Amino acid sequence: MLGTVATKHEGIDALLEQIEIHYDFLQATGRLIERRRERAAGRAREVLERATRQWLWAETDAERIVIDRLNDIVAGHVSPYDLADEVVEGLKQGTRL
């Protein structure tokens, strides 16, 4: 643990040195690139999920299917999970909803 007092400029050099040492360690062990890859993969997944969600609601009849089956869901004949499975299976089969 390093003590610093920014207003008095105390410990700043030691802190910067430790940051550089840690950065060098991350780089030398491959952890830096690993972390960057993990962040990039997570971001790519988020973007893909958003694009897929937008496509689903804008370009398919998923909304109509939900509305059509709403009474079945409310009555407990079909769960939201069952309905989601039906829609996803239709998409997997290449059915243009």
PDB file of N, CA and C in Angstrom:
ATOM      1  N   MET A   1       0.861  -1.165   0.000  1.00  0.00           N
ATOM      2  CA  MET A   1       0.000   0.000   0.000  1.00  0.00           C
ATOM      3  C   MET A   1       0.904   1.223   0.000  1.00  0.00           C
ATOM      4  N   LEU A   2       0.572   2.157  -0.855  1.00  0.00           N
ATOM      5  CA  LEU A   2       1.356   3.387  -0.954  1.00  0.00           C
ATOM      6  C   LEU A   2       0.548   4.556  -0.426  1.00  0.00           C
ATOM      7  N   GLY A   3       1.217   5.401   0.320  1.00  0.00           N
ATOM      8  CA  GLY A   3       0.562   6.607   0.807  1.00  0.00           C
ATOM      9  C   GLY A   3       0.866   7.767  -0.121  1.00  0.00           C
ATOM     10  N   THR A   4      -0.159   8.524  -0.434  1.00  0.00           N
ATOM     11  CA  THR A   4       0.032   9.712  -1.277  1.00  0.00           C
ATOM     12  C   THR A   4      -0.771  10.867  -0.711  1.00  0.00           C
ATOM     13  N   VAL A   5      -0.265  12.060  -0.954  1.00  0.00           N
ATOM     14  CA  VAL A   5      -0.984  13.288  -0.628  1.00  0.00           C
ATOM     15  C   VAL A   5      -0.839  14.168  -1.862  1.00  0.00           C
ATOM     16  N   ALA A   6      -1.838  14.170  -2.685  1.00  0.00           N
ATOM     17  CA  ALA A   6      -1.760  14.865  -3.968  1.00  0.00           C
ATOM     18  C   ALA A   6      -1.552  16.361  -3.794  1.00  0.00           C
ATOM     19  N   THR A   7      -2.197  16.942  -2.796  1.00  0.00           N
ATOM     20  CA  THR A   7      -2.078  18.396  -2.613  1.00  0.00           C
ATOM     21  C   THR A   7      -0.667  18.814  -2.227  1.00  0.00           C
ATOM     22  N   LYS A   8       0.095  17.869  -1.654  1.00  0.00           N
ATOM     23  CA  LYS A   8       1.479  18.161  -1.263  1.00  0.00           C
ATOM     24  C   LYS A   8       2.479  17.485  -2.210  1.00  0.00           C
ATOM     25  N   HIS A   9       1.963  16.834  -3.230  1.00  0.00           N
ATOM     26  CA  HIS A   9       2.804  16.116  -4.193  1.00  0.00           C
ATOM     27  C   HIS A   9       3.666  15.054  -3.517  1.00  0.00           C
ATOM     28  N   GLU A  10       3.121  14.414  -2.490  1.00  0.00           N
ATOM     29  CA  GLU A  10       3.859  13.383  -1.763  1.00  0.00           C
ATOM     30  C   GLU A  10       3.447  12.001  -2.263  1.00  0.00           C
ATOM     31  N   GLY A  11       4.428  11.191  -2.557  1.00  0.00           N
ATOM     32  CA  GLY A  11       4.172   9.803  -2.933  1.00  0.00           C
ATOM     33  C   GLY A  11       3.764   9.604  -4.382  1.00  0.00           C
ATOM     34  N   ILE A  12       3.669  10.671  -5.142  1.00  0.00           N
ATOM     35  CA  ILE A  12       3.213  10.570  -6.527  1.00  0.00           C
ATOM     36  C   ILE A  12       4.225   9.800  -7.377  1.00  0.00           C
ATOM     37  N   ASP A  13       5.504  10.117  -7.222  1.00  0.00           N
ATOM     38  CA  ASP A  13       6.539   9.426  -8.002  1.00  0.00           C
ATOM     39  C   ASP A  13       6.550   7.931  -7.704  1.00  0.00           C
ATOM     40  N   ALA A  14       6.420   7.576  -6.431  1.00  0.00           N
ATOM     41  CA  ALA A  14       6.401   6.159  -6.050  1.00  0.00           C
ATOM     42  C   ALA A  14       5.171   5.466  -6.624  1.00  0.00           C
ATOM     43  N   LEU A  15       4.051   6.165  -6.614  1.00  0.00           N
ATOM     44  CA  LEU A  15       2.826   5.605  -7.175  1.00  0.00           C
ATOM     45  C   LEU A  15       2.984   5.362  -8.671  1.00  0.00           C
ATOM     46  N   LEU A  16       3.497   6.350  -9.383  1.00  0.00           N
ATOM     47  CA  LEU A  16       3.705   6.201 -10.822  1.00  0.00           C
ATOM     48  C   LEU A  16       4.668   5.057 -11.127  1.00  0.00           C
ATOM     49  N   GLU A  17       5.692   4.922 -10.314  1.00  0.00           N
ATOM     50  CA  GLU A  17       6.654   3.832 -10.506  1.00  0.00           C
ATOM     51  C   GLU A  17       5.971   2.476 -10.344  1.00  0.00           C
ATOM     52  N   GLN A  18       5.132   2.355  -9.319  1.00  0.00           N
ATOM     53  CA  GLN A  18       4.429   1.090  -9.085  1.00  0.00           C
ATOM     54  C   GLN A  18       3.422   0.800 -10.200  1.00  0.00           C
ATOM     55  N   ILE A  19       2.795   1.837 -10.713  1.00  0.00           N
ATOM     56  CA  ILE A  19       1.865   1.653 -11.836  1.00  0.00           C
ATOM     57  C   ILE A  19       2.629   1.130 -13.050  1.00  0.00           C
ATOM     58  N   GLU A  20       3.782   1.706 -13.324  1.00  0.00           N
ATOM     59  CA  GLU A  20       4.600   1.256 -14.455  1.00  0.00           C
ATOM     60  C   GLU A  20       5.078  -0.180 -14.261  1.00  0.00           C
ATOM     61  N   ILE A  21       5.480  -0.514 -13.040  1.00  0.00           N
ATOM     62  CA  ILE A  21       5.915  -1.885 -12.739  1.00  0.00           C
ATOM     63  C   ILE A  21       4.768  -2.855 -12.979  1.00  0.00           C
ATOM     64  N   HIS A  22       3.593  -2.498 -12.504  1.00  0.00           N
ATOM     65  CA  HIS A  22       2.432  -3.369 -12.684  1.00  0.00           C
ATOM     66  C   HIS A  22       2.075  -3.498 -14.169  1.00  0.00           C
ATOM     67  N   TYR A  23       2.121  -2.391 -14.893  1.00  0.00           N
ATOM     68  CA  TYR A  23       1.850  -2.409 -16.331  1.00  0.00           C
ATOM     69  C   TYR A  23       2.838  -3.334 -17.040  1.00  0.00           C
ATOM     70  N   ASP A  24       4.111  -3.206 -16.712  1.00  0.00           N
ATOM     71  CA  ASP A  24       5.132  -4.069 -17.316  1.00  0.00           C
ATOM     72  C   ASP A  24       4.869  -5.536 -17.003  1.00  0.00           C
ATOM     73  N   PHE A  25       4.450  -5.809 -15.761  1.00  0.00           N
ATOM     74  CA  PHE A  25       4.113  -7.175 -15.363  1.00  0.00           C
ATOM     75  C   PHE A  25       2.954  -7.704 -16.197  1.00  0.00           C
ATOM     76  N   LEU A  26       1.893  -6.902 -16.321  1.00  0.00           N
ATOM     77  CA  LEU A  26       0.735  -7.327 -17.106  1.00  0.00           C
ATOM     78  C   LEU A  26       1.125  -7.592 -18.558  1.00  0.00           C
ATOM     79  N   GLN A  27       1.963  -6.748 -19.080  1.00  0.00           N
ATOM     80  CA  GLN A  27       2.399  -6.901 -20.464  1.00  0.00           C
ATOM     81  C   GLN A  27       3.283  -8.150 -20.623  1.00  0.00           C
ATOM     82  N   ALA A  28       4.221  -8.346 -19.722  1.00  0.00           N
ATOM     83  CA  ALA A  28       5.160  -9.469 -19.813  1.00  0.00           C
ATOM     84  C   ALA A  28       4.472 -10.817 -19.655  1.00  0.00           C
ATOM     85  N   THR A  29       3.435 -10.872 -18.838  1.00  0.00           N
ATOM     86  CA  THR A  29       2.742 -12.142 -18.591  1.00  0.00           C
ATOM     87  C   THR A  29       1.619 -12.403 -19.580  1.00  0.00           C
ATOM     88  N   GLY A  30       1.350 -11.447 -20.453  1.00  0.00           N
ATOM     89  CA  GLY A  30       0.267 -11.619 -21.422  1.00  0.00           C
ATOM     90  C   GLY A  30      -1.098 -11.257 -20.871  1.00  0.00           C
ATOM     91  N   ARG A  31      -1.148 -10.856 -19.626  1.00  0.00           N
ATOM     92  CA  ARG A  31      -2.440 -10.521 -19.021  1.00  0.00           C
ATOM     93  C   ARG A  31      -3.047  -9.250 -19.605  1.00  0.00           C
ATOM     94  N   LEU A  32      -2.208  -8.329 -20.034  1.00  0.00           N
ATOM     95  CA  LEU A  32      -2.719  -7.081 -20.591  1.00  0.00           C
ATOM     96  C   LEU A  32      -3.514  -7.362 -21.860  1.00  0.00           C
ATOM     97  N   ILE A  33      -2.937  -8.128 -22.761  1.00  0.00           N
ATOM     98  CA  ILE A  33      -3.633  -8.448 -24.007  1.00  0.00           C
ATOM     99  C   ILE A  33      -4.839  -9.334 -23.720  1.00  0.00           C
ATOM    100  N   GLU A  34      -4.720 -10.212 -22.725  1.00  0.00           N
ATOM    101  CA  GLU A  34      -5.842 -11.074 -22.339  1.00  0.00           C
ATOM    102  C   GLU A  34      -7.025 -10.226 -21.859  1.00  0.00           C
ATOM    103  N   ARG A  35      -6.749  -9.241 -21.024  1.00  0.00           N
ATOM    104  CA  ARG A  35      -7.810  -8.357 -20.529  1.00  0.00           C
ATOM    105  C   ARG A  35      -8.430  -7.566 -21.669  1.00  0.00           C
ATOM    106  N   ARG A  36      -7.593  -7.087 -22.587  1.00  0.00           N
ATOM    107  CA  ARG A  36      -8.115  -6.338 -23.733  1.00  0.00           C
ATOM    108  C   ARG A  36      -9.008  -7.226 -24.592  1.00  0.00           C
ATOM    109  N   ARG A  37      -8.583  -8.468 -24.796  1.00  0.00           N
ATOM    110  CA  ARG A  37      -9.382  -9.405 -25.589  1.00  0.00           C
ATOM    111  C   ARG A  37     -10.722  -9.684 -24.901  1.00  0.00           C
ATOM    112  N   GLU A  38     -10.687  -9.876 -23.580  1.00  0.00           N
ATOM    113  CA  GLU A  38     -11.922 -10.135 -22.837  1.00  0.00           C
ATOM    114  C   GLU A  38     -12.877  -8.948 -22.940  1.00  0.00           C
ATOM    115  N   ARG A  39     -12.346  -7.735 -22.793  1.00  0.00           N
ATOM    116  CA  ARG A  39     -13.192  -6.544 -22.907  1.00  0.00           C
ATOM    117  C   ARG A  39     -13.750  -6.406 -24.318  1.00  0.00           C
ATOM    118  N   ALA A  40     -12.913  -6.653 -25.324  1.00  0.00           N
ATOM    119  CA  ALA A  40     -13.359  -6.551 -26.714  1.00  0.00           C
ATOM    120  C   ALA A  40     -14.428  -7.594 -27.012  1.00  0.00           C
ATOM    121  N   ALA A  41     -14.246  -8.805 -26.514  1.00  0.00           N
ATOM    122  CA  ALA A  41     -15.238  -9.860 -26.726  1.00  0.00           C
ATOM    123  C   ALA A  41     -16.552  -9.499 -26.044  1.00  0.00           C
ATOM    124  N   GLY A  42     -16.478  -8.991 -24.827  1.00  0.00           N
ATOM    125  CA  GLY A  42     -17.689  -8.577 -24.113  1.00  0.00           C
ATOM    126  C   GLY A  42     -18.418  -7.472 -24.845  1.00  0.00           C
ATOM    127  N   ARG A  43     -17.668  -6.514 -25.335  1.00  0.00           N
ATOM    128  CA  ARG A  43     -18.274  -5.403 -26.082  1.00  0.00           C
ATOM    129  C   ARG A  43     -18.907  -5.912 -27.369  1.00  0.00           C
ATOM    130  N   ALA A  44     -18.227  -6.806 -28.073  1.00  0.00           N
ATOM    131  CA  ALA A  44     -18.777  -7.366 -29.312  1.00  0.00           C
ATOM    132  C   ALA A  44     -20.078  -8.113 -29.027  1.00  0.00           C
ATOM    133  N   ARG A  45     -20.116  -8.849 -27.922  1.00  0.00           N
ATOM    134  CA  ARG A  45     -21.345  -9.567 -27.554  1.00  0.00           C
ATOM    135  C   ARG A  45     -22.485  -8.590 -27.264  1.00  0.00           C
ATOM    136  N   GLU A  46     -22.183  -7.512 -26.546  1.00  0.00           N
ATOM    137  CA  GLU A  46     -23.206  -6.504 -26.249  1.00  0.00           C
ATOM    138  C   GLU A  46     -23.769  -5.901 -27.528  1.00  0.00           C
ATOM    139  N   VAL A  47     -22.891  -5.571 -28.461  1.00  0.00           N
ATOM    140  CA  VAL A  47     -23.330  -4.974 -29.725  1.00  0.00           C
ATOM    141  C   VAL A  47     -24.175  -5.973 -30.507  1.00  0.00           C
ATOM    142  N   LEU A  48     -23.742  -7.227 -30.548  1.00  0.00           N
ATOM    143  CA  LEU A  48     -24.491  -8.262 -31.256  1.00  0.00           C
ATOM    144  C   LEU A  48     -25.860  -8.486 -30.620  1.00  0.00           C
ATOM    145  N   GLU A  49     -25.911  -8.524 -29.298  1.00  0.00           N
ATOM    146  CA  GLU A  49     -27.194  -8.698 -28.612  1.00  0.00           C
ATOM    147  C   GLU A  49     -28.139  -7.549 -28.930  1.00  0.00           C
ATOM    148  N   ARG A  50     -27.629  -6.321 -28.912  1.00  0.00           N
ATOM    149  CA  ARG A  50     -28.466  -5.160 -29.214  1.00  0.00           C
ATOM    150  C   ARG A  50     -28.968  -5.219 -30.654  1.00  0.00           C
ATOM    151  N   ALA A  51     -28.091  -5.538 -31.587  1.00  0.00           N
ATOM    152  CA  ALA A  51     -28.480  -5.616 -32.998  1.00  0.00           C
ATOM    153  C   ALA A  51     -29.505  -6.721 -33.215  1.00  0.00           C
ATOM    154  N   THR A  52     -29.307  -7.856 -32.555  1.00  0.00           N
ATOM    155  CA  THR A  52     -30.243  -8.972 -32.683  1.00  0.00           C
ATOM    156  C   THR A  52     -31.601  -8.602 -32.108  1.00  0.00           C
ATOM    157  N   ARG A  53     -31.610  -7.953 -30.963  1.00  0.00           N
ATOM    158  CA  ARG A  53     -32.864  -7.530 -30.326  1.00  0.00           C
ATOM    159  C   ARG A  53     -33.605  -6.542 -31.223  1.00  0.00           C
ATOM    160  N   GLN A  54     -32.877  -5.576 -31.773  1.00  0.00           N
ATOM    161  CA  GLN A  54     -33.510  -4.595 -32.664  1.00  0.00           C
ATOM    162  C   GLN A  54     -34.076  -5.283 -33.902  1.00  0.00           C
ATOM    163  N   TRP A  55     -33.307  -6.200 -34.476  1.00  0.00           N
ATOM    164  CA  TRP A  55     -33.779  -6.934 -35.656  1.00  0.00           C
ATOM    165  C   TRP A  55     -35.024  -7.741 -35.318  1.00  0.00           C
ATOM    166  N   LEU A  56     -34.998  -8.451 -34.191  1.00  0.00           N
ATOM    167  CA  LEU A  56     -36.117  -9.302 -33.798  1.00  0.00           C
ATOM    168  C   LEU A  56     -37.417  -8.513 -33.741  1.00  0.00           C
ATOM    169  N   TRP A  57     -37.396  -7.360 -33.094  1.00  0.00           N
ATOM    170  CA  TRP A  57     -38.623  -6.594 -32.918  1.00  0.00           C
ATOM    171  C   TRP A  57     -38.987  -5.772 -34.154  1.00  0.00           C
ATOM    172  N   ALA A  58     -38.009  -5.386 -34.953  1.00  0.00           N
ATOM    173  CA  ALA A  58     -38.293  -4.540 -36.119  1.00  0.00           C
ATOM    174  C   ALA A  58     -38.560  -5.338 -37.390  1.00  0.00           C
ATOM    175  N   GLU A  59     -37.955  -6.504 -37.531  1.00  0.00           N
ATOM    176  CA  GLU A  59     -37.995  -7.216 -38.809  1.00  0.00           C
ATOM    177  C   GLU A  59     -38.745  -8.542 -38.783  1.00  0.00           C
ATOM    178  N   THR A  60     -39.271  -8.924 -37.637  1.00  0.00           N
ATOM    179  CA  THR A  60     -40.023 -10.180 -37.562  1.00  0.00           C
ATOM    180  C   THR A  60     -41.397  -9.889 -36.976  1.00  0.00           C
ATOM    181  N   ASP A  61     -42.203 -10.917 -36.911  1.00  0.00           N
ATOM    182  CA  ASP A  61     -43.536 -10.780 -36.319  1.00  0.00           C
ATOM    183  C   ASP A  61     -43.553 -11.202 -34.852  1.00  0.00           C
ATOM    184  N   ALA A  62     -42.420 -11.129 -34.194  1.00  0.00           N
ATOM    185  CA  ALA A  62     -42.343 -11.556 -32.796  1.00  0.00           C
ATOM    186  C   ALA A  62     -43.333 -10.790 -31.924  1.00  0.00           C
ATOM    187  N   GLU A  63     -43.473  -9.494 -32.153  1.00  0.00           N
ATOM    188  CA  GLU A  63     -44.417  -8.693 -31.355  1.00  0.00           C
ATOM    189  C   GLU A  63     -45.846  -9.184 -31.558  1.00  0.00           C
ATOM    190  N   ARG A  64     -46.212  -9.460 -32.799  1.00  0.00           N
ATOM    191  CA  ARG A  64     -47.557  -9.967 -33.092  1.00  0.00           C
ATOM    192  C   ARG A  64     -47.775 -11.319 -32.418  1.00  0.00           C
ATOM    193  N   ILE A  65     -46.755 -12.170 -32.461  1.00  0.00           N
ATOM    194  CA  ILE A  65     -46.863 -13.488 -31.834  1.00  0.00           C
ATOM    195  C   ILE A  65     -47.069 -13.342 -30.333  1.00  0.00           C
ATOM    196  N   VAL A  66     -46.344 -12.459 -29.703  1.00  0.00           N
ATOM    197  CA  VAL A  66     -46.508 -12.222 -28.263  1.00  0.00           C
ATOM    198  C   VAL A  66     -47.924 -11.749 -27.976  1.00  0.00           C
ATOM    199  N   ILE A  67     -48.395 -10.774 -28.736  1.00  0.00           N
ATOM    200  CA  ILE A  67     -49.745 -10.240 -28.518  1.00  0.00           C
ATOM    201  C   ILE A  67     -50.793 -11.322 -28.752  1.00  0.00           C
ATOM    202  N   ASP A  68     -50.619 -12.110 -29.821  1.00  0.00           N
ATOM    203  CA  ASP A  68     -51.575 -13.180 -30.119  1.00  0.00           C
ATOM    204  C   ASP A  68     -51.622 -14.229 -29.015  1.00  0.00           C
ATOM    205  N   ARG A  69     -50.506 -14.486 -28.360  1.00  0.00           N
ATOM    206  CA  ARG A  69     -50.446 -15.532 -27.342  1.00  0.00           C
ATOM    207  C   ARG A  69     -50.574 -14.990 -25.924  1.00  0.00           C
ATOM    208  N   LEU A  70     -50.801 -13.692 -25.798  1.00  0.00           N
ATOM    209  CA  LEU A  70     -50.847 -13.062 -24.482  1.00  0.00           C
ATOM    210  C   LEU A  70     -51.906 -13.682 -23.572  1.00  0.00           C
ATOM    211  N   ASN A  71     -53.092 -13.946 -24.104  1.00  0.00           N
ATOM    212  CA  ASN A  71     -54.144 -14.556 -23.285  1.00  0.00           C
ATOM    213  C   ASN A  71     -53.722 -15.935 -22.783  1.00  0.00           C
ATOM    214  N   ASP A  72     -53.027 -16.700 -23.624  1.00  0.00           N
ATOM    215  CA  ASP A  72     -52.541 -18.020 -23.201  1.00  0.00           C
ATOM    216  C   ASP A  72     -51.520 -17.892 -22.072  1.00  0.00           C
ATOM    217  N   ILE A  73     -50.686 -16.866 -22.166  1.00  0.00           N
ATOM    218  CA  ILE A  73     -49.685 -16.648 -21.113  1.00  0.00           C
ATOM    219  C   ILE A  73     -50.374 -16.246 -19.814  1.00  0.00           C
ATOM    220  N   VAL A  74     -51.307 -15.293 -19.913  1.00  0.00           N
ATOM    221  CA  VAL A  74     -52.020 -14.810 -18.724  1.00  0.00           C
ATOM    222  C   VAL A  74     -52.811 -15.941 -18.077  1.00  0.00           C
ATOM    223  N   ALA A  75     -53.404 -16.811 -18.894  1.00  0.00           N
ATOM    224  CA  ALA A  75     -54.196 -17.928 -18.372  1.00  0.00           C
ATOM    225  C   ALA A  75     -53.312 -19.048 -17.825  1.00  0.00           C
ATOM    226  N   GLY A  76     -52.023 -18.965 -18.065  1.00  0.00           N
ATOM    227  CA  GLY A  76     -51.117 -19.984 -17.556  1.00  0.00           C
ATOM    228  C   GLY A  76     -51.002 -21.202 -18.449  1.00  0.00           C
ATOM    229  N   HIS A  77     -51.573 -21.142 -19.653  1.00  0.00           N
ATOM    230  CA  HIS A  77     -51.481 -22.270 -20.586  1.00  0.00           C
ATOM    231  C   HIS A  77     -50.099 -22.350 -21.236  1.00  0.00           C
ATOM    232  N   VAL A  78     -49.464 -21.215 -21.352  1.00  0.00           N
ATOM    233  CA  VAL A  78     -48.140 -21.125 -21.974  1.00  0.00           C
ATOM    234  C   VAL A  78     -47.304 -20.186 -21.110  1.00  0.00           C
ATOM    235  N   SER A  79     -46.070 -20.555 -20.879  1.00  0.00           N
ATOM    236  CA  SER A  79     -45.195 -19.654 -20.125  1.00  0.00           C
ATOM    237  C   SER A  79     -44.463 -18.739 -21.103  1.00  0.00           C
ATOM    238  N   PRO A  80     -43.986 -17.601 -20.627  1.00  0.00           N
ATOM    239  CA  PRO A  80     -43.177 -16.746 -21.503  1.00  0.00           C
ATOM    240  C   PRO A  80     -41.963 -17.495 -22.056  1.00  0.00           C
ATOM    241  N   TYR A  81     -41.446 -18.434 -21.283  1.00  0.00           N
ATOM    242  CA  TYR A  81     -40.305 -19.227 -21.739  1.00  0.00           C
ATOM    243  C   TYR A  81     -40.699 -20.151 -22.886  1.00  0.00           C
ATOM    244  N   ASP A  82     -41.892 -20.767 -22.768  1.00  0.00           N
ATOM    245  CA  ASP A  82     -42.384 -21.620 -23.855  1.00  0.00           C
ATOM    246  C   ASP A  82     -42.561 -20.810 -25.135  1.00  0.00           C
ATOM    247  N   LEU A  83     -43.131 -19.631 -25.001  1.00  0.00           N
ATOM    248  CA  LEU A  83     -43.342 -18.773 -26.162  1.00  0.00           C
ATOM    249  C   LEU A  83     -42.004 -18.372 -26.779  1.00  0.00           C
ATOM    250  N   ALA A  84     -41.055 -18.014 -25.940  1.00  0.00           N
ATOM    251  CA  ALA A  84     -39.726 -17.653 -26.445  1.00  0.00           C
ATOM    252  C   ALA A  84     -39.099 -18.836 -27.173  1.00  0.00           C
ATOM    253  N   ASP A  85     -39.255 -20.037 -26.612  1.00  0.00           N
ATOM    254  CA  ASP A  85     -38.723 -21.235 -27.277  1.00  0.00           C
ATOM    255  C   ASP A  85     -39.357 -21.426 -28.648  1.00  0.00           C
ATOM    256  N   GLU A  86     -40.669 -21.213 -28.741  1.00  0.00           N
ATOM    257  CA  GLU A  86     -41.365 -21.354 -30.025  1.00  0.00           C
ATOM    258  C   GLU A  86     -40.808 -20.371 -31.054  1.00  0.00           C
ATOM    259  N   VAL A  87     -40.644 -19.130 -30.648  1.00  0.00           N
ATOM    260  CA  VAL A  87     -40.139 -18.102 -31.565  1.00  0.00           C
ATOM    261  C   VAL A  87     -38.715 -18.438 -31.993  1.00  0.00           C
ATOM    262  N   VAL A  88     -37.872 -18.794 -31.031  1.00  0.00           N
ATOM    263  CA  VAL A  88     -36.476 -19.106 -31.351  1.00  0.00           C
ATOM    264  C   VAL A  88     -36.395 -20.338 -32.248  1.00  0.00           C
ATOM    265  N   GLU A  89     -37.183 -21.359 -31.955  1.00  0.00           N
ATOM    266  CA  GLU A  89     -37.176 -22.558 -32.803  1.00  0.00           C
ATOM    267  C   GLU A  89     -37.614 -22.219 -34.221  1.00  0.00           C
ATOM    268  N   GLY A  90     -38.618 -21.359 -34.349  1.00  0.00           N
ATOM    269  CA  GLY A  90     -39.045 -20.929 -35.677  1.00  0.00           C
ATOM    270  C   GLY A  90     -37.922 -20.226 -36.419  1.00  0.00           C
ATOM    271  N   LEU A  91     -37.195 -19.387 -35.725  1.00  0.00           N
ATOM    272  CA  LEU A  91     -36.063 -18.688 -36.341  1.00  0.00           C
ATOM    273  C   LEU A  91     -34.958 -19.670 -36.723  1.00  0.00           C
ATOM    274  N   LYS A  92     -34.700 -20.653 -35.863  1.00  0.00           N
ATOM    275  CA  LYS A  92     -33.674 -21.654 -36.161  1.00  0.00           C
ATOM    276  C   LYS A  92     -34.032 -22.469 -37.398  1.00  0.00           C
ATOM    277  N   GLN A  93     -35.329 -22.738 -37.565  1.00  0.00           N
ATOM    278  CA  GLN A  93     -35.787 -23.524 -38.707  1.00  0.00           C
ATOM    279  C   GLN A  93     -35.800 -22.697 -39.985  1.00  0.00           C
ATOM    280  N   GLY A  94     -35.509 -21.421 -39.846  1.00  0.00           N
ATOM    281  CA  GLY A  94     -35.491 -20.554 -41.020  1.00  0.00           C
ATOM    282  C   GLY A  94     -36.847 -19.966 -41.346  1.00  0.00           C
ATOM    283  N   THR A  95     -37.799 -20.155 -40.446  1.00  0.00           N
ATOM    284  CA  THR A  95     -39.123 -19.591 -40.651  1.00  0.00           C
ATOM    285  C   THR A  95     -39.034 -18.085 -40.528  1.00  0.00           C
ATOM    286  N   ARG A  96     -39.548 -17.411 -41.518  1.00  0.00           N
ATOM    287  CA  ARG A  96     -39.571 -15.940 -41.461  1.00  0.00           C
ATOM    288  C   ARG A  96     -40.816 -15.560 -40.686  1.00  0.00           C
ATOM    289  N   LEU A  97     -40.629 -15.198 -39.461  1.00  0.00           N
ATOM    290  CA  LEU A  97     -41.769 -14.852 -38.605  1.00  0.00           C
ATOM    291  C   LEU A  97     -42.389 -13.559 -39.045  1.00  0.00           C
TER     292      LEU A  97
END
